[in-house]
C-alpha atoms as a PDB file:
ATOM      1  CA  MET A   1       0.117   0.085  -0.107  1.00  0.00           C
ATOM      2  CA  ARG A   2       1.381   3.701  -0.932  1.00  0.00           C
ATOM      3  CA  THR A   3       0.636   6.316   1.483  1.00  0.00           C
ATOM      4  CA  ARG A   4       0.775   9.975   1.312  1.00  0.00           C
ATOM      5  CA  THR A   5       0.792  12.784   4.015  1.00  0.00           C
ATOM      6  CA  ALA A   6      -0.374  15.964   3.458  1.00  0.00           C
ATOM      7  CA  HIS A   7       0.098  19.088   5.281  1.00  0.00           C
ATOM      8  CA  THR A   8      -2.466  22.054   5.385  1.00  0.00           C
ATOM      9  CA  ILE A   9      -2.160  25.328   6.680  1.00  0.00           C
ATOM     10  CA  LEU A  10      -5.207  27.571   6.734  1.00  0.00           C
ATOM     11  CA  GLY A  11      -3.348  30.646   7.464  1.00  0.00           C
ATOM     12  CA  ILE A  12      -4.291  31.974  10.611  1.00  0.00           C
ATOM     13  CA  ASP A  13      -1.679  32.073  13.493  1.00  0.00           C
ATOM     14  CA  ARG A  14      -1.858  30.414  16.869  1.00  0.00           C
ATOM     15  CA  GLN A  15      -2.073  33.711  18.784  1.00  0.00           C
ATOM     16  CA  ASP A  16      -5.255  34.919  16.663  1.00  0.00           C
ATOM     17  CA  ALA A  17      -7.067  31.644  17.356  1.00  0.00           C
ATOM     18  CA  ASP A  18      -9.227  30.281  20.012  1.00  0.00           C
ATOM     19  CA  PHE A  19      -8.354  26.684  19.662  1.00  0.00           C
ATOM     20  CA  LEU A  20      -6.252  24.502  17.777  1.00  0.00           C
ATOM     21  CA  VAL A  21      -7.294  21.464  15.998  1.00  0.00           C
ATOM     22  CA  GLN A  22      -4.762  19.028  15.037  1.00  0.00           C
ATOM     23  CA  GLY A  23      -5.314  15.426  13.624  1.00  0.00           C
ATOM     24  CA  ARG A  24      -4.192  12.267  11.992  1.00  0.00           C
ATOM     25  CA  ILE A  25      -5.767   9.863   9.453  1.00  0.00           C
ATOM     26  CA  GLU A  26      -3.891   6.629   9.129  1.00  0.00           C
ATOM     27  CA  PRO A  27      -5.388   3.331   7.254  1.00  0.00           C
ATOM     28  CA  ARG A  28      -6.322   0.211   9.151  1.00  0.00           C
ATOM     29  CA  ALA A  29      -8.025  -3.138   8.296  1.00  0.00           C
ATOM     30  CA  GLY A  30     -10.920  -2.522   7.099  1.00  0.00           C
ATOM     31  CA  GLY A  31     -10.944   1.300   7.109  1.00  0.00           C
ATOM     32  CA  PHE A  32      -9.189   4.253   8.681  1.00  0.00           C
ATOM     33  CA  ARG A  33      -8.828   5.539  12.258  1.00  0.00           C
ATOM     34  CA  THR A  34      -8.888   9.522  12.670  1.00  0.00           C
ATOM     35  CA  VAL A  35      -7.247  11.272  16.061  1.00  0.00           C
ATOM     36  CA  LEU A  36      -8.606  14.298  16.490  1.00  0.00           C
ATOM     37  CA  LEU A  37      -6.588  16.548  19.337  1.00  0.00           C
ATOM     38  CA  LEU A  38      -7.881  20.199  20.584  1.00  0.00           C
ATOM     39  CA  GLU A  39      -5.699  22.855  22.013  1.00  0.00           C
ATOM     40  CA  ASP A  40      -6.156  26.123  23.200  1.00  0.00           C
ATOM     41  CA  ALA A  41      -4.198  29.265  21.993  1.00  0.00           C
ATOM     42  CA  ALA A  42      -1.492  28.596  24.747  1.00  0.00           C
ATOM     43  CA  GLY A  43      -0.773  24.998  23.594  1.00  0.00           C
ATOM     44  CA  ARG A  44      -2.701  23.088  26.389  1.00  0.00           C
ATOM     45  CA  GLU A  45      -4.290  20.269  25.477  1.00  0.00           C
ATOM     46  CA  LEU A  46      -8.443  20.199  25.748  1.00  0.00           C
ATOM     47  CA  GLY A  47      -9.593  16.931  24.380  1.00  0.00           C
ATOM     48  CA  THR A  48      -9.349  14.300  22.070  1.00  0.00           C
ATOM     49  CA  ARG A  49     -11.550  12.181  19.798  1.00  0.00           C
ATOM     50  CA  THR A  50     -10.863   8.708  17.897  1.00  0.00           C
ATOM     51  CA  LEU A  51     -12.995   7.857  15.082  1.00  0.00           C
ATOM     52  CA  ASP A  52     -12.999   4.433  13.538  1.00  0.00           C
ATOM     53  CA  SER A  53     -14.240   4.393   9.905  1.00  0.00           C
ATOM     54  CA  THR A  54     -15.126   1.489   7.976  1.00  0.00           C
ATOM     55  CA  THR A  55     -15.390   3.370   4.712  1.00  0.00           C
ATOM     56  CA  ARG A  56     -12.736   2.680   1.962  1.00  0.00           C
ATOM     57  CA  SER A  57     -12.370   5.726   0.518  1.00  0.00           C
ATOM     58  CA  CYS A  58     -10.914   9.219   2.098  1.00  0.00           C
ATOM     59  CA  PRO A  59     -13.803  11.547   0.712  1.00  0.00           C
ATOM     60  CA  ALA A  60     -16.388   9.440   2.259  1.00  0.00           C
ATOM     61  CA  LEU A  61     -15.078  10.576   5.666  1.00  0.00           C
ATOM     62  CA  ASP A  62     -16.167  14.473   5.213  1.00  0.00           C
ATOM     63  CA  GLU A  63     -19.478  13.892   7.125  1.00  0.00           C
ATOM     64  CA  SER A  64     -17.926  11.951   9.542  1.00  0.00           C
ATOM     65  CA  LEU A  65     -15.420  14.367  10.323  1.00  0.00           C
ATOM     66  CA  LEU A  66     -17.568  17.016  10.633  1.00  0.00           C
ATOM     67  CA  LEU A  67     -19.792  15.158  13.519  1.00  0.00           C
ATOM     68  CA  ALA A  68     -16.186  13.979  15.552  1.00  0.00           C
ATOM     69  CA  LEU A  69     -15.253  17.790  14.925  1.00  0.00           C
ATOM     70  CA  GLU A  70     -18.562  18.909  16.455  1.00  0.00           C
ATOM     71  CA  MET A  71     -18.403  16.657  19.562  1.00  0.00           C
ATOM     72  CA  LEU A  72     -14.949  17.851  20.267  1.00  0.00           C
ATOM     73  CA  VAL A  73     -15.580  21.422  20.059  1.00  0.00           C
ATOM     74  CA  ASP A  74     -19.120  22.062  20.893  1.00  0.00           C
ATOM     75  CA  THR A  75     -19.086  21.428  24.838  1.00  0.00           C
ATOM     76  CA  PRO A  76     -20.106  24.222  27.486  1.00  0.00           C
ATOM     77  CA  LYS A  77     -16.886  24.101  28.880  1.00  0.00           C
ATOM     78  CA  LEU A  78     -15.251  25.547  25.490  1.00  0.00           C
ATOM     79  CA  ARG A  79     -17.912  27.911  24.956  1.00  0.00           C
ATOM     80  CA  GLU A  80     -17.125  29.550  28.556  1.00  0.00           C
ATOM     81  CA  LEU A  81     -13.427  29.419  27.676  1.00  0.00           C
ATOM     82  CA  ALA A  82     -13.955  31.133  24.123  1.00  0.00           C
ATOM     83  CA  ARG A  83     -16.367  33.702  25.901  1.00  0.00           C
ATOM     84  CA  ALA A  84     -13.862  34.395  28.747  1.00  0.00           C
ATOM     85  CA  LYS A  85     -11.127  34.947  25.874  1.00  0.00           C
ATOM     86  CA  ARG A  86     -13.173  37.361  24.157  1.00  0.00           C
ATOM     87  CA  GLU A  87     -14.107  39.418  27.406  1.00  0.00           C
ATOM     88  CA  ALA A  88     -10.616  39.558  28.671  1.00  0.00           C
ATOM     89  CA  PRO A  89      -8.670  43.166  28.196  1.00  0.00           C
ATOM     90  CA  THR A  90      -7.179  44.102  25.306  1.00  0.00           C
ATOM     91  CA  GLU A  91      -3.664  44.325  26.853  1.00  0.00           C
ATOM     92  CA  ALA A  92      -3.554  41.131  27.622  1.00  0.00           C
ATOM     93  CA  SER A  93      -4.484  39.792  24.239  1.00  0.00           C
ATOM     94  CA  SER A  94      -1.214  41.656  23.265  1.00  0.00           C
ATOM     95  CA  GLU A  95       1.078  39.836  25.566  1.00  0.00           C
ATOM     96  CA  PRO A  96       3.870  37.644  23.753  1.00  0.00           C
ATOM     97  CA  THR A  97       2.572  33.958  23.303  1.00  0.00           C
ATOM     98  CA  THR A  98       5.171  31.313  23.127  1.00  0.00           C
ATOM     99  CA  GLU A  99       4.061  29.066  20.366  1.00  0.00           C
ATOM    100  CA  ARG A 100       5.064  25.297  20.757  1.00  0.00           C
ATOM    101  CA  THR A 101       3.914  22.688  18.301  1.00  0.00           C
ATOM    102  CA  THR A 102       2.225  19.390  19.804  1.00  0.00           C
ATOM    103  CA  GLU A 103       2.343  16.268  18.442  1.00  0.00           C
ATOM    104  CA  VAL A 104      -0.804  14.486  18.198  1.00  0.00           C
ATOM    105  CA  PRO A 105      -0.304  11.461  20.851  1.00  0.00           C
ATOM    106  CA  PRO A 106      -0.177   7.641  19.185  1.00  0.00           C
ATOM    107  CA  GLU A 107      -2.902   5.583  19.705  1.00  0.00           C
ATOM    108  CA  GLY A 108      -4.095   4.308  22.702  1.00  0.00           C
ATOM    109  CA  ALA A 109      -2.160   7.360  24.531  1.00  0.00           C
ATOM    110  CA  VAL A 110      -3.954   9.319  27.229  1.00  0.00           C
ATOM    111  CA  SER A 111      -3.179  12.461  28.134  1.00  0.00           C
ATOM    112  CA  PRO A 112      -3.127  13.531  31.882  1.00  0.00           C
ATOM    113  CA  THR A 113      -4.224  17.143  31.307  1.00  0.00           C
ATOM    114  CA  SER A 114      -7.048  16.248  29.390  1.00  0.00           C
ATOM    115  CA  ASP A 115     -10.256  17.298  30.211  1.00  0.00           C
ATOM    116  CA  THR A 116     -12.450  14.977  28.021  1.00  0.00           C
ATOM    117  CA  PRO A 117     -12.169  11.259  27.872  1.00  0.00           C
ATOM    118  CA  ASN A 118     -10.509  10.202  24.667  1.00  0.00           C
ATOM    119  CA  LEU A 119     -13.706   8.098  23.496  1.00  0.00           C
ATOM    120  CA  PRO A 120     -13.750   6.426  20.391  1.00  0.00           C
ATOM    121  CA  ILE A 121     -16.625   6.818  17.952  1.00  0.00           C
ATOM    122  CA  ARG A 122     -18.160   4.652  15.527  1.00  0.00           C
ATOM    123  CA  SER A 123     -19.072   6.654  12.491  1.00  0.00           C
ATOM    124  CA  MET A 124     -22.506   6.413  10.614  1.00  0.00           C
ATOM    125  CA  PRO A 125     -22.364   5.014   7.301  1.00  0.00           C
ATOM    126  CA  SER A 126     -21.430   8.068   4.737  1.00  0.00           C
ATOM    127  CA  PRO A 127     -24.404   9.577   2.954  1.00  0.00           C
ATOM    128  CA  SER A 128     -22.871   8.778  -0.446  1.00  0.00           C
ATOM    129  CA  THR A 129     -23.298   4.820   0.748  1.00  0.00           C
ATOM    130  CA  THR A 130     -26.565   5.117   1.914  1.00  0.00           C
ATOM    131  CA  ALA A 131     -28.150   6.974  -1.321  1.00  0.00           C
ATOM    132  CA  SER A 132     -31.847   5.509  -2.370  1.00  0.00           C
ATOM    133  CA  PRO A 133     -31.343   3.204  -4.853  1.00  0.00           C
ATOM    134  CA  LYS A 134     -31.585   4.225  -8.646  1.00  0.00           C
ATOM    135  CA  ARG A 135     -35.202   3.915 -10.360  1.00  0.00           C
ATOM    136  CA  HIS A 136     -35.307   2.068 -13.230  1.00  0.00           C
ATOM    137  CA  TRP A 137     -37.936   2.183 -15.965  1.00  0.00           C
ATOM    138  CA  ARG A 138     -40.376  -0.203 -15.946  1.00  0.00           C
ATOM    139  CA  PHE A 139     -42.902  -1.692 -18.709  1.00  0.00           C
ATOM    140  CA  ASP A 140     -46.270  -3.481 -18.894  1.00  0.00           C
ATOM    141  CA  VAL A 141     -47.406  -5.282 -21.849  1.00  0.00           C
ATOM    142  CA  GLY A 142     -51.251  -6.343 -21.925  1.00  0.00           C
ATOM    143  CA  PHE A 143     -53.405  -8.396 -24.057  1.00  0.00           C
ATOM    144  CA  GLY A 144     -57.646  -9.033 -23.476  1.00  0.00           C
ATOM    145  CA  ALA A 145     -60.490  -8.801 -24.756  1.00  0.00           C
ATOM    146  CA  SER A 146     -62.656  -5.654 -25.655  1.00  0.00           C
ATOM    147  CA  THR A 147     -66.143  -4.981 -25.930  1.00  0.00           C
ATOM    148  CA  ALA A 148     -67.923  -1.923 -27.705  1.00  0.00           C
ATOM    149  CA  ALA A 149     -71.148  -0.199 -27.742  1.00  0.00           C
ATOM    150  CA  GLY A 150     -71.832   2.812 -30.272  1.00  0.00           C
ATOM    151  CA  PHE A 151     -68.750   2.487 -31.731  1.00  0.00           C
ATOM    152  CA  ALA A 152     -69.824   0.275 -34.747  1.00  0.00           C
ATOM    153  CA  PRO A 153     -74.297  -0.173 -35.771  1.00  0.00           C
ATOM    154  CA  LYS A 154     -74.209  -2.681 -32.907  1.00  0.00           C
ATOM    155  CA  PRO A 155     -72.372  -3.759 -29.956  1.00  0.00           C
ATOM    156  CA  THR A 156     -69.297  -5.674 -31.179  1.00  0.00           C
ATOM    157  CA  VAL A 157     -66.002  -7.598 -29.383  1.00  0.00           C
ATOM    158  CA  GLY A 158     -62.467  -8.063 -30.401  1.00  0.00           C
ATOM    159  CA  PRO A 159     -58.874  -8.722 -29.247  1.00  0.00           C
ATOM    160  CA  ALA A 160     -57.234  -5.562 -27.569  1.00  0.00           C
ATOM    161  CA  ALA A 161     -53.724  -4.724 -26.508  1.00  0.00           C
ATOM    162  CA  HIS A 162     -51.601  -2.547 -24.842  1.00  0.00           C
ATOM    163  CA  ALA A 163     -47.893  -1.498 -23.915  1.00  0.00           C
ATOM    164  CA  MET A 164     -46.977   1.019 -20.847  1.00  0.00           C
ATOM    165  CA  MET A 165     -43.898   2.103 -19.970  1.00  0.00           C
ATOM    166  CA  ARG A 166     -43.458   3.976 -16.442  1.00  0.00           C
ATOM    167  CA  PRO A 167     -40.611   6.590 -16.581  1.00  0.00           C
ATOM    168  CA  PRO A 168     -39.065   7.568 -13.428  1.00  0.00           C
ATOM    169  CA  GLY A 169     -40.456  10.535 -12.173  1.00  0.00           C
ATOM    170  CA  PHE A 170     -43.601  10.831 -14.749  1.00  0.00           C
ATOM    171  CA  VAL A 171     -46.803   9.497 -15.324  1.00  0.00           C
ATOM    172  CA  PRO A 172     -47.164   6.162 -17.206  1.00  0.00           C
ATOM    173  CA  ILE A 173     -47.281   6.228 -20.907  1.00  0.00           C
ATOM    174  CA  ALA A 174     -49.429   3.509 -22.576  1.00  0.00           C
ATOM    175  CA  LEU A 175     -50.042   2.433 -26.660  1.00  0.00           C
ATOM    176  CA  ARG A 176     -53.375   1.154 -26.898  1.00  0.00           C
ATOM    177  CA  GLY A 177     -55.245  -0.451 -29.579  1.00  0.00           C
ATOM    178  CA  ALA A 178     -58.205  -3.161 -30.607  1.00  0.00           C
ATOM    179  CA  LEU A 179     -59.777  -4.622 -33.050  1.00  0.00           C
ATOM    180  CA  TYR A 180     -63.349  -5.301 -33.849  1.00  0.00           C
ATOM    181  CA  PRO A 181     -63.131  -8.184 -36.782  1.00  0.00           C
ATOM    182  CA  LEU A 182     -66.655  -9.614 -36.284  1.00  0.00           C
ATOM    183  CA  ALA A 183     -68.901  -7.709 -39.206  1.00  0.00           C
ATOM    184  CA  VAL A 184     -72.024  -6.199 -38.123  1.00  0.00           C
ATOM    185  CA  GLU A 185     -74.406  -5.425 -40.507  1.00  0.00           C
ATOM    186  CA  ARG A 186     -76.565  -2.256 -40.939  1.00  0.00           C
ATOM    187  CA  VAL A 187     -79.642  -2.421 -43.452  1.00  0.00           C
ATOM    188  CA  SER A 188     -80.521   0.785 -45.217  1.00  0.00           C
ATOM    189  CA  ILE A 189     -83.210  -0.215 -47.218  1.00  0.00           C
ATOM    190  CA  PRO A 190     -84.109  -3.505 -47.818  1.00  0.00           C
ATOM    191  CA  GLY A 191     -81.835  -5.609 -49.797  1.00  0.00           C
ATOM    192  CA  GLU A 192     -79.057  -2.849 -49.307  1.00  0.00           C
ATOM    193  CA  GLY A 193     -76.664  -1.876 -46.763  1.00  0.00           C
ATOM    194  CA  SER A 194     -73.406  -2.436 -45.095  1.00  0.00           C
ATOM    195  CA  SER A 195     -71.037  -5.531 -43.059  1.00  0.00           C
ATOM    196  CA  VAL A 196     -69.203  -2.755 -40.744  1.00  0.00           C
ATOM    197  CA  ARG A 197     -66.034  -3.669 -39.021  1.00  0.00           C
ATOM    198  CA  ALA A 198     -63.709  -1.661 -36.716  1.00  0.00           C
ATOM    199  CA  PHE A 199     -60.192  -0.418 -35.061  1.00  0.00           C
ATOM    200  CA  VAL A 200     -59.305   1.996 -32.542  1.00  0.00           C
ATOM    201  CA  ALA A 201     -55.693   2.682 -31.846  1.00  0.00           C
ATOM    202  CA  GLY A 202     -53.964   5.749 -29.694  1.00  0.00           C
ATOM    203  CA  ILE A 203     -51.611   6.826 -27.049  1.00  0.00           C
ATOM    204  CA  ASP A 204     -52.437   8.175 -23.590  1.00  0.00           C
ATOM    205  CA  LEU A 205     -50.817   9.381 -20.359  1.00  0.00           C
ATOM    206  CA  CYS A 206     -51.901   8.237 -17.066  1.00  0.00           C
ATOM    207  CA  PRO A 207     -51.596  11.229 -14.494  1.00  0.00           C
ATOM    208  CA  LEU A 208     -53.545   9.607 -11.649  1.00  0.00           C
ATOM    209  CA  ALA A 209     -52.368   6.176 -10.284  1.00  0.00           C
ATOM    210  CA  LEU A 210     -53.147   5.095  -6.853  1.00  0.00           C
ATOM    211  CA  ALA A 211     -52.028   2.012  -5.587  1.00  0.00           C
ATOM    212  CA  ARG A 212     -52.879   0.110  -2.340  1.00  0.00           C
ATOM    213  CA  GLY A 213     -51.333  -3.426  -1.112  1.00  0.00           C
ATOM    214  CA  ARG A 214     -51.690  -5.433  -4.780  1.00  0.00           C
ATOM    215  CA  PHE A 215     -54.333  -2.886  -6.138  1.00  0.00           C
ATOM    216  CA  GLU A 216     -53.932  -0.303  -8.221  1.00  0.00           C
ATOM    217  CA  GLY A 217     -56.159   2.321  -9.920  1.00  0.00           C
ATOM    218  CA  LEU A 218     -55.320   4.532 -13.086  1.00  0.00           C
ATOM    219  CA  ALA A 219     -56.860   7.160 -14.650  1.00  0.00           C
ATOM    220  CA  CYS A 220     -55.909   7.923 -18.215  1.00  0.00           C
ATOM    221  CA  THR A 221     -56.763  10.172 -21.282  1.00  0.00           C
ATOM    222  CA  GLY A 222     -54.694  10.768 -24.705  1.00  0.00           C
ATOM    223  CA  PHE A 223     -55.541  10.649 -28.409  1.00  0.00           C
ATOM    224  CA  GLU A 224     -57.048   7.751 -30.415  1.00  0.00           C
ATOM    225  CA  VAL A 225     -57.989   7.227 -34.284  1.00  0.00           C
ATOM    226  CA  GLY A 226     -60.991   5.152 -35.077  1.00  0.00           C
ATOM    227  CA  GLY A 227     -61.644   3.424 -38.275  1.00  0.00           C
ATOM    228  CA  LEU A 228     -64.445   2.107 -39.771  1.00  0.00           C
ATOM    229  CA  HIS A 229     -64.505  -0.295 -42.923  1.00  0.00           C
ATOM    230  CA  ALA A 230     -67.919  -1.214 -44.499  1.00  0.00           C
ATOM    231  CA  GLU A 231     -68.758  -3.756 -47.406  1.00  0.00           C
ATOM    232  CA  PRO A 232     -71.424  -3.520 -49.331  1.00  0.00           C
ATOM    233  CA  ILE A 233     -74.641  -5.688 -48.939  1.00  0.00           C
ATOM    234  CA  GLY A 234     -76.729  -5.647 -52.203  1.00  0.00           C
ATOM    235  CA  PRO A 235     -76.101  -4.407 -56.037  1.00  0.00           C
ATOM    236  CA  LYS A 236     -76.464  -0.781 -55.373  1.00  0.00           C
ATOM    237  CA  SER A 237     -74.413  -0.392 -52.080  1.00  0.00           C
ATOM    238  CA  ASN A 238     -70.946   0.669 -52.012  1.00  0.00           C
ATOM    239  CA  ALA A 239     -67.590  -0.200 -49.784  1.00  0.00           C
ATOM    240  CA  GLY A 240     -66.446   2.712 -47.871  1.00  0.00           C
ATOM    241  CA  ASP A 241     -64.255   3.530 -45.095  1.00  0.00           C
ATOM    242  CA  LEU A 242     -63.732   6.303 -42.370  1.00  0.00           C
ATOM    243  CA  LEU A 243     -61.054   7.452 -40.165  1.00  0.00           C
ATOM    244  CA  PHE A 244     -61.744  10.064 -37.437  1.00  0.00           C
ATOM    245  CA  PRO A 245     -60.154  11.182 -34.102  1.00  0.00           C
ATOM    246  CA  LEU A 246     -61.501  10.371 -30.774  1.00  0.00           C
ATOM    247  CA  VAL A 247     -60.599  11.491 -27.150  1.00  0.00           C
ATOM    248  CA  PRO A 248     -60.794   8.391 -24.746  1.00  0.00           C
ATOM    249  CA  VAL A 249     -61.005   8.750 -20.678  1.00  0.00           C
ATOM    250  CA  ARG A 250     -60.006   5.488 -19.253  1.00  0.00           C
ATOM    251  CA  ALA A 251     -60.487   4.440 -15.462  1.00  0.00           C
ATOM    252  CA  GLU A 252     -58.676   0.790 -14.915  1.00  0.00           C
ATOM    253  CA  MET A 253     -58.614  -1.144 -12.279  1.00  0.00           C
ATOM    254  CA  ARG A 254     -55.574  -3.793 -11.831  1.00  0.00           C
ATOM    255  CA  ALA A 255     -54.649  -6.716  -9.375  1.00  0.00           C
ATOM    256  CA  ARG A 256     -51.090  -7.503  -8.585  1.00  0.00           C
ATOM    257  CA  ILE A 257     -50.633 -11.496  -8.509  1.00  0.00           C
ATOM    258  CA  GLY A 258     -46.642 -11.716  -9.378  1.00  0.00           C
ATOM    259  CA  ASN A 259     -45.638 -11.308 -12.844  1.00  0.00           C
ATOM    260  CA  PHE A 260     -49.373 -11.249 -14.034  1.00  0.00           C
ATOM    261  CA  VAL A 261     -52.055  -8.410 -13.242  1.00  0.00           C
ATOM    262  CA  PRO A 262     -55.596  -8.991 -14.207  1.00  0.00           C
ATOM    263  CA  TYR A 263     -57.194  -5.949 -15.054  1.00  0.00           C
ATOM    264  CA  ALA A 264     -60.449  -4.526 -15.932  1.00  0.00           C
ATOM    265  CA  ALA A 265     -60.859  -0.840 -17.975  1.00  0.00           C
ATOM    266  CA  PHE A 266     -64.064   1.233 -18.775  1.00  0.00           C
ATOM    267  CA  THR A 267     -63.505   3.449 -21.405  1.00  0.00           C
ATOM    268  CA  MET A 268     -65.356   6.582 -22.492  1.00  0.00           C
ATOM    269  CA  ARG A 269     -64.586   7.974 -26.119  1.00  0.00           C
ATOM    270  CA  PHE A 270     -65.828  11.049 -27.299  1.00  0.00           C
ATOM    271  CA  SER A 271     -65.762  11.936 -31.071  1.00  0.00           C
ATOM    272  CA  PRO A 272     -64.956  15.592 -32.023  1.00  0.00           C
ATOM    273  CA  THR A 273     -66.826  15.007 -35.520  1.00  0.00           C
ATOM    274  CA  GLU A 274     -69.487  13.392 -36.528  1.00  0.00           C
ATOM    275  CA  PRO A 275     -68.286  10.791 -39.370  1.00  0.00           C
ATOM    276  CA  LYS A 276     -70.919   8.574 -41.143  1.00  0.00           C
ATOM    277  CA  PHE A 277     -72.200   6.607 -44.325  1.00  0.00           C
ATOM    278  CA  THR A 278     -74.473   7.622 -46.762  1.00  0.00           C
ATOM    279  CA  TYR A 279     -76.608   5.723 -48.896  1.00  0.00           C
ATOM    280  CA  GLU A 280     -78.514   7.428 -51.898  1.00  0.00           C
ATOM    281  CA  SER A 281     -82.201   7.372 -51.375  1.00  0.00           C
ATOM    282  CA  PRO A 282     -84.800   6.968 -54.335  1.00  0.00           C
ATOM    283  CA  PRO A 283     -85.401  10.587 -54.344  1.00  0.00           C
ATOM    284  CA  GLY A 284     -82.048  11.125 -54.989  1.00  0.00           C
ATOM    285  CA  THR A 285     -81.022  12.907 -51.587  1.00  0.00           C
ATOM    286  CA  ASP A 286     -78.087  11.239 -49.301  1.00  0.00           C
ATOM    287  CA  ARG A 287     -79.014   9.544 -46.063  1.00  0.00           C
ATOM    288  CA  ALA A 288     -76.784   8.281 -43.163  1.00  0.00           C
ATOM    289  CA  ALA A 289     -76.987   4.846 -43.423  1.00  0.00           C
ATOM    290  CA  PHE A 290     -74.584   5.111 -40.112  1.00  0.00           C
ATOM    291  CA  LEU A 291     -73.720   7.835 -37.979  1.00  0.00           C
ATOM    292  CA  GLU A 292     -70.997   7.933 -35.394  1.00  0.00           C
ATOM    293  CA  PRO A 293     -72.106   8.681 -31.872  1.00  0.00           C
ATOM    294  CA  ARG A 294     -70.657  11.734 -30.161  1.00  0.00           C
ATOM    295  CA  VAL A 295     -69.952   9.530 -27.057  1.00  0.00           C
ATOM    296  CA  THR A 296     -69.035   5.677 -27.231  1.00  0.00           C
ATOM    297  CA  ALA A 297     -68.261   3.451 -24.551  1.00  0.00           C
ATOM    298  CA  ALA A 298     -66.027   0.188 -24.280  1.00  0.00           C
ATOM    299  CA  LEU A 299     -65.166  -2.111 -21.254  1.00  0.00           C
ATOM    300  CA  ASP A 300     -61.676  -4.196 -21.469  1.00  0.00           C
ATOM    301  CA  VAL A 301     -60.636  -7.142 -19.310  1.00  0.00           C
ATOM    302  CA  GLY A 302     -57.022  -8.969 -19.677  1.00  0.00           C
ATOM    303  CA  LEU A 303     -53.923  -9.931 -18.338  1.00  0.00           C
ATOM    304  CA  VAL A 304     -50.863  -7.291 -17.988  1.00  0.00           C
ATOM    305  CA  TRP A 305     -47.124  -8.816 -17.459  1.00  0.00           C
ATOM    306  CA  ARG A 306     -45.002  -6.461 -15.726  1.00  0.00           C
ATOM    307  CA  PHE A 307     -41.263  -6.304 -16.412  1.00  0.00           C
ATOM    308  CA  PRO A 308     -39.422  -6.247 -14.143  1.00  0.00           C
ATOM    309  CA  SER A 309     -42.044  -7.420 -11.641  1.00  0.00           C
ATOM    310  CA  LYS A 310     -40.626  -5.988  -8.670  1.00  0.00           C
ATOM    311  CA  ASP A 311     -40.882  -1.767  -8.056  1.00  0.00           C
END
């Protein structure tokens, strides 16, 4: 082991100081030992402190040294001595003071003039070694089934999936999608109409997340795109497609069971536009075969896999 010794002078003469603290730091098995010696301006020893630390680096000693210095210096007797010196006549302070150097006594030595017993101090772990663990990103992947009412001409069901990111210090972000592949028929006039399939996809944020025990509640909103595809029924009907924006408001409840998290969610979707399929009536005017409502609803159930499984 290579050891370096450094001496630092703070630039204050002994006669200008109320007290003087000298110290020695030496490596020991499993850490460091620090010995602090307190003297008055005349060189009389007032007390010592011994600090045993299990840290492996010198910078980590800063907090422990501050604690040891405070316990060494901040005592009623030293405060009285400092107050007496400040109240002494100024001519007394002008008397020459013979400066002498005092070496820090070796380990285990006890000075008979010490007013404060030399008590070993076990340092507390440095804040740098007890910092809170770093928070990591977490990801959720969920699959389930969705039932939609009002989104298509009749209630329909289909698969649903989502992927959620949970960045440290930010609200959860989710990408969601649902497909309704079952054809829902809409008859406009006898023998004519359309068979409709639908999908919805978008992104949302969950600013409200409440957890208690194994249960977690989420409130989310964002932006989605809805789509309807119509196949013709009858020789006079035509195929058609609709794409339109939606604003979802979702309330979700989860029950955490290991890596698997079952969930149930209720979603209200608001349409700022009025997309519709039309057909031409016999008098030659266009009529709505299906008009998308301003508000639709959906109920989702499924399972979520969380990575990592622990917070």
